[in-house]
Amino acid sequence: MMDHVGRAALDNMDIDRMPRGGPDASCLDRLLQTDRQEYLDRDSEGDAAGEARKRSVIRALEWTGEVFGNHERFAKIALDEVADVADPRILELGAGHGGLSRKLLEWHPTARLTVTDVEANSVAAIAAGDLGAHRRATVRRMDATALDAADGQFDLAVFVLSFHHLPPSAAARVFAEGTRVADKLLVIDLPRPPAPLHVLRLATMLPLAAVVPFVHDGVISSLRAYSPSALRALAAYADPSIEVVLRGGLFSPQVAVATRR
């Protein structure tokens, strides 16, 4: 719960100037952020080399998701949030390669998935695959910050490992839109460790960042990840009625479940 002083501060804040470490981030933490884009964020239309780098990152994300069991782990977290719903309607935002939706459809025999991404090429690739032909899946291009969906249309909206791509004002809109169209918004994203640990983690990644697109994007993702206090501030800025329950973080992905009171 945010007190009146905190609410007033947020109302007067230029939200896009809020540090990724939150309103009370330390001086070191404020230095550990960037506005540089990942390869995934860049418009590669007409740029064959740029599109190849982007596709290599997407393939690497899909591979790591399979090898390290991320799809299974995240699917379990999502299904736990709709355990009391017989035939859940689930909206996946920023689906990328569709791995999570694929796992949710496999594990839940009556779930209906709307699989979305803002990137046209990703949507086309998903639609051309098995998800495009699945009888319980709908593939659509959709912007997570301005959802083309009715209020309460879904039981759960899921945004996995993509939230950090957004600047604060857009991230706040995801909280507003996700909790508008769904009973719950589940955000699973990279942790933002305490600044000293963050420096050590970055030091291990930087040598490869110049030559491996996946590591390049990993460094930028780490610098753009939001802290728990930042997530709470973004939700409160979006709407004071939004409550956020946080778990995980530090060395594991952080999980935020947002609902409206």
Protein backbone atom coordinates (compact mmCIF):
# COMPACT_ATOMS: atom_id res chain seq x y z
CA MET A 1 0.00 0.00 0.00
CA MET A 2 1.42 3.38 -1.01
CA ASP A 3 1.04 6.21 1.51
CA HIS A 4 -0.25 9.70 0.57
CA VAL A 5 3.25 11.13 0.33
CA GLY A 6 4.30 8.34 -2.03
CA ARG A 7 1.17 8.77 -4.13
CA ALA A 8 1.68 12.52 -4.40
CA ALA A 9 5.30 12.01 -5.42
CA LEU A 10 4.25 9.64 -8.18
CA ASP A 11 1.54 12.00 -9.41
CA ASN A 12 4.15 14.73 -9.82
CA MET A 13 6.83 12.46 -11.27
CA ASP A 14 7.97 12.42 -14.87
CA ILE A 15 7.57 8.65 -14.86
CA ASP A 16 10.05 8.09 -17.69
CA ARG A 17 12.76 9.64 -15.52
CA MET A 18 12.20 7.08 -12.78
CA PRO A 19 15.31 4.87 -12.37
CA ARG A 20 14.95 1.20 -13.21
CA GLY A 21 15.91 0.58 -9.60
CA GLY A 22 12.83 2.48 -8.42
CA PRO A 23 12.25 5.98 -6.99
CA ASP A 24 14.71 5.39 -4.12
CA ALA A 25 17.48 3.70 -6.15
CA SER A 26 21.04 4.23 -4.96
CA CYS A 27 23.51 6.36 -6.93
CA LEU A 28 25.30 3.22 -8.17
CA ASP A 29 22.06 1.55 -9.14
CA ARG A 30 21.05 4.65 -11.13
CA LEU A 31 24.26 4.30 -13.15
CA LEU A 32 23.50 0.66 -13.97
CA GLN A 33 20.86 1.32 -16.60
CA THR A 34 20.73 2.21 -20.28
CA ASP A 35 18.36 3.44 -22.97
CA ARG A 36 20.17 1.46 -25.65
CA GLN A 37 18.01 -0.97 -27.58
CA GLU A 38 18.50 -4.69 -27.76
CA TYR A 39 18.62 -6.32 -31.17
CA LEU A 40 15.12 -7.58 -30.40
CA ASP A 41 13.88 -3.99 -30.05
CA ARG A 42 15.31 -2.68 -33.29
CA ASP A 43 13.33 -2.21 -36.49
CA SER A 44 15.08 -4.57 -38.89
CA GLU A 45 12.74 -4.18 -41.84
CA GLY A 46 14.89 -4.01 -44.97
CA ASP A 47 18.02 -4.83 -42.93
CA ALA A 48 18.98 -8.44 -43.62
CA ALA A 49 21.88 -8.44 -41.14
CA GLY A 50 19.75 -6.85 -38.42
CA GLU A 51 16.95 -9.36 -39.00
CA ALA A 52 19.46 -12.23 -38.83
CA ARG A 53 20.76 -10.98 -35.46
CA LYS A 54 17.21 -10.63 -34.17
CA ARG A 55 16.28 -14.15 -35.32
CA SER A 56 19.44 -15.56 -33.70
CA VAL A 57 18.45 -14.00 -30.37
CA ILE A 58 14.92 -15.42 -30.65
CA ARG A 59 16.31 -18.89 -31.43
CA ALA A 60 18.67 -18.62 -28.46
CA LEU A 61 15.81 -17.62 -26.17
CA GLU A 62 13.77 -20.58 -27.38
CA TRP A 63 16.73 -22.92 -26.88
CA THR A 64 17.49 -21.68 -23.36
CA GLY A 65 13.80 -21.88 -22.51
CA GLU A 66 13.78 -25.56 -23.45
CA VAL A 67 17.17 -26.50 -21.98
CA PHE A 68 16.71 -24.74 -18.64
CA GLY A 69 13.04 -25.62 -18.32
CA ASN A 70 11.79 -22.04 -18.38
CA HIS A 71 8.70 -22.89 -20.40
CA GLU A 72 7.68 -25.55 -17.89
CA ARG A 73 8.48 -23.39 -14.88
CA PHE A 74 6.61 -20.37 -16.21
CA ALA A 75 3.67 -22.48 -17.41
CA LYS A 76 3.29 -23.90 -13.90
CA ILE A 77 3.31 -20.40 -12.41
CA ALA A 78 0.66 -19.27 -14.89
CA LEU A 79 -1.59 -22.29 -14.42
CA ASP A 80 -1.40 -21.95 -10.62
CA GLU A 81 -2.94 -18.49 -11.05
CA VAL A 82 -5.99 -19.96 -12.83
CA ALA A 83 -6.20 -23.23 -10.90
CA ASP A 84 -9.76 -22.43 -9.84
CA VAL A 85 -10.95 -21.63 -13.38
CA ALA A 86 -12.37 -24.59 -15.30
CA ASP A 87 -11.75 -23.31 -18.84
CA PRO A 88 -9.29 -20.44 -18.50
CA ARG A 89 -8.97 -17.76 -21.16
CA ILE A 90 -5.31 -16.76 -21.23
CA LEU A 91 -3.72 -13.88 -23.12
CA GLU A 92 0.02 -14.11 -23.76
CA LEU A 93 1.66 -10.75 -24.41
CA GLY A 94 5.03 -10.44 -26.12
CA ALA A 95 4.93 -14.12 -27.05
CA GLY A 96 8.08 -14.00 -29.19
CA HIS A 97 8.35 -17.62 -30.35
CA GLY A 98 5.18 -18.89 -28.62
CA GLY A 99 6.95 -21.43 -26.41
CA LEU A 100 4.97 -20.61 -23.27
CA SER A 101 1.58 -20.72 -25.02
CA ARG A 102 2.53 -24.05 -26.58
CA LYS A 103 3.28 -25.48 -23.14
CA LEU A 104 0.08 -24.07 -21.61
CA LEU A 105 -2.02 -25.68 -24.34
CA GLU A 106 -0.19 -28.98 -23.83
CA TRP A 107 -0.67 -28.99 -20.07
CA HIS A 108 -4.24 -27.69 -19.82
CA PRO A 109 -6.76 -29.57 -21.98
CA THR A 110 -9.42 -26.84 -22.02
CA ALA A 111 -7.42 -23.59 -21.82
CA ARG A 112 -7.90 -21.13 -24.67
CA LEU A 113 -4.89 -19.04 -25.61
CA THR A 114 -4.69 -15.74 -27.43
CA VAL A 115 -1.05 -15.53 -28.51
CA THR A 116 0.16 -12.02 -29.29
CA ASP A 117 3.23 -9.98 -30.05
CA VAL A 118 3.78 -6.42 -31.28
CA GLU A 119 6.43 -7.60 -33.76
CA ALA A 120 4.81 -8.45 -37.11
CA ASN A 121 7.50 -10.95 -38.13
CA SER A 122 7.14 -12.84 -34.85
CA VAL A 123 3.36 -13.00 -35.25
CA ALA A 124 3.72 -14.25 -38.81
CA ALA A 125 6.19 -16.93 -37.71
CA ILE A 126 3.90 -18.10 -34.88
CA ALA A 127 0.85 -18.13 -37.16
CA ALA A 128 2.69 -20.21 -39.75
CA GLY A 129 3.53 -22.88 -37.18
CA ASP A 130 1.58 -25.30 -35.03
CA LEU A 131 0.00 -22.59 -32.89
CA GLY A 132 -1.59 -21.02 -35.95
CA ALA A 133 -3.42 -24.27 -36.63
CA HIS A 134 -4.29 -25.12 -33.02
CA ARG A 135 -8.05 -25.20 -32.42
CA ARG A 136 -7.71 -23.59 -28.96
CA ALA A 137 -5.27 -20.88 -29.99
CA THR A 138 -5.74 -17.52 -31.67
CA VAL A 139 -2.66 -15.71 -32.97
CA ARG A 140 -2.87 -11.91 -33.23
CA ARG A 141 -0.64 -8.90 -33.48
CA MET A 142 -1.29 -6.78 -30.40
CA ASP A 143 0.46 -4.00 -28.49
CA ALA A 144 0.66 -4.79 -24.77
CA THR A 145 0.36 -1.08 -23.95
CA ALA A 146 -2.93 -0.63 -25.88
CA LEU A 147 -4.78 -3.92 -25.91
CA ASP A 148 -7.47 -4.49 -28.49
CA ALA A 149 -9.67 -6.47 -26.11
CA ALA A 150 -12.76 -5.94 -23.99
CA ASP A 151 -12.72 -5.31 -20.26
CA GLY A 152 -12.51 -8.63 -18.38
CA GLN A 153 -12.20 -10.68 -21.57
CA PHE A 154 -9.52 -12.93 -20.08
CA ASP A 155 -8.94 -14.73 -16.82
CA LEU A 156 -5.18 -14.17 -17.01
CA ALA A 157 -2.79 -12.02 -19.03
CA VAL A 158 0.83 -13.22 -19.06
CA PHE A 159 3.89 -11.13 -19.96
CA VAL A 160 7.10 -13.15 -19.70
CA LEU A 161 10.69 -11.90 -20.03
CA SER A 162 9.67 -8.85 -22.07
CA PHE A 163 8.60 -6.24 -19.52
CA HIS A 164 12.11 -4.79 -19.23
CA HIS A 165 12.04 -3.85 -22.93
CA LEU A 166 9.57 -1.07 -22.13
CA PRO A 167 10.32 2.43 -20.84
CA PRO A 168 8.52 3.28 -17.60
CA SER A 169 5.52 5.07 -19.12
CA ALA A 170 4.84 2.13 -21.46
CA ALA A 171 5.44 -0.36 -18.62
CA ALA A 172 2.85 1.46 -16.51
CA ARG A 173 0.36 1.20 -19.37
CA VAL A 174 0.87 -2.58 -19.40
CA PHE A 175 -0.21 -2.68 -15.76
CA ALA A 176 -3.25 -0.57 -16.61
CA GLU A 177 -4.21 -2.51 -19.74
CA GLY A 178 -3.38 -5.98 -18.44
CA THR A 179 -5.53 -5.55 -15.34
CA ARG A 180 -8.31 -4.05 -17.48
CA VAL A 181 -8.69 -6.93 -19.92
CA ALA A 182 -7.88 -9.75 -17.46
CA ASP A 183 -8.73 -10.62 -13.88
CA LYS A 184 -5.00 -11.01 -13.22
CA LEU A 185 -1.85 -9.79 -14.91
CA LEU A 186 1.17 -12.05 -14.42
CA VAL A 187 4.55 -10.47 -15.17
CA ILE A 188 7.63 -12.69 -15.04
CA ASP A 189 10.84 -10.88 -15.77
CA LEU A 190 14.55 -10.68 -15.09
CA PRO A 191 15.63 -9.89 -11.54
CA ARG A 192 17.49 -6.68 -10.74
CA PRO A 193 20.10 -7.66 -8.13
CA PRO A 194 21.55 -5.24 -5.58
CA ALA A 195 24.02 -2.90 -7.29
CA PRO A 196 27.30 -4.58 -6.14
CA LEU A 197 26.09 -8.00 -7.34
CA HIS A 198 24.81 -6.39 -10.51
CA VAL A 199 28.29 -5.05 -11.30
CA LEU A 200 29.80 -8.53 -10.87
CA ARG A 201 27.20 -10.13 -13.11
CA LEU A 202 27.74 -7.58 -15.85
CA ALA A 203 31.52 -8.05 -15.66
CA THR A 204 31.13 -11.74 -16.53
CA MET A 205 28.97 -10.95 -19.56
CA LEU A 206 30.67 -7.96 -21.17
CA PRO A 207 33.62 -9.79 -22.83
CA LEU A 208 31.21 -11.72 -25.10
CA ALA A 209 28.65 -8.98 -25.64
CA ALA A 210 30.42 -7.54 -28.67
CA VAL A 211 30.42 -10.80 -30.61
CA VAL A 212 27.41 -12.84 -29.43
CA PRO A 213 24.01 -11.21 -30.13
CA PHE A 214 22.30 -13.16 -27.35
CA VAL A 215 24.84 -11.97 -24.76
CA HIS A 216 24.66 -8.40 -26.13
CA ASP A 217 20.92 -8.42 -25.51
CA GLY A 218 21.44 -10.06 -22.13
CA VAL A 219 23.65 -7.20 -20.94
CA ILE A 220 21.15 -4.58 -22.05
CA SER A 221 18.27 -6.59 -20.54
CA SER A 222 20.08 -6.68 -17.21
CA LEU A 223 20.59 -2.91 -17.29
CA ARG A 224 16.92 -2.33 -18.14
CA ALA A 225 15.40 -4.74 -15.62
CA TYR A 226 13.06 -3.21 -13.04
CA SER A 227 13.47 -3.66 -9.31
CA PRO A 228 10.57 -4.71 -7.04
CA SER A 229 10.14 -1.12 -5.84
CA ALA A 230 10.03 0.08 -9.46
CA LEU A 231 7.32 -2.47 -10.30
CA ARG A 232 5.23 -1.29 -7.36
CA ALA A 233 5.71 2.34 -8.38
CA LEU A 234 4.72 1.62 -12.00
CA ALA A 235 1.55 -0.16 -10.92
CA ALA A 236 0.60 2.65 -8.52
CA TYR A 237 1.28 5.23 -11.22
CA ALA A 238 -0.95 3.29 -13.64
CA ASP A 239 -3.85 3.12 -11.20
CA PRO A 240 -3.93 3.39 -7.37
CA SER A 241 -6.40 0.48 -7.30
CA ILE A 242 -3.85 -1.97 -8.70
CA GLU A 243 -2.30 -4.28 -6.12
CA VAL A 244 0.94 -6.13 -6.85
CA VAL A 245 2.17 -9.26 -5.09
CA LEU A 246 5.87 -9.97 -5.72
CA ARG A 247 7.93 -13.09 -5.27
CA GLY A 248 11.24 -14.49 -6.49
CA GLY A 249 13.95 -12.16 -7.69
CA LEU A 250 17.64 -11.82 -6.82
CA PHE A 251 18.99 -14.86 -8.72
CA SER A 252 15.71 -16.20 -10.11
CA PRO A 253 13.14 -14.44 -12.29
CA GLN A 254 10.89 -12.12 -10.34
CA VAL A 255 7.17 -12.75 -10.44
CA ALA A 256 4.56 -10.01 -10.12
CA VAL A 257 0.82 -10.71 -9.94
CA ALA A 258 -1.28 -7.58 -10.42
CA THR A 259 -5.00 -7.28 -9.71
CA ARG A 260 -7.45 -4.44 -9.20
CA ARG A 261 -9.02 -3.99 -5.81
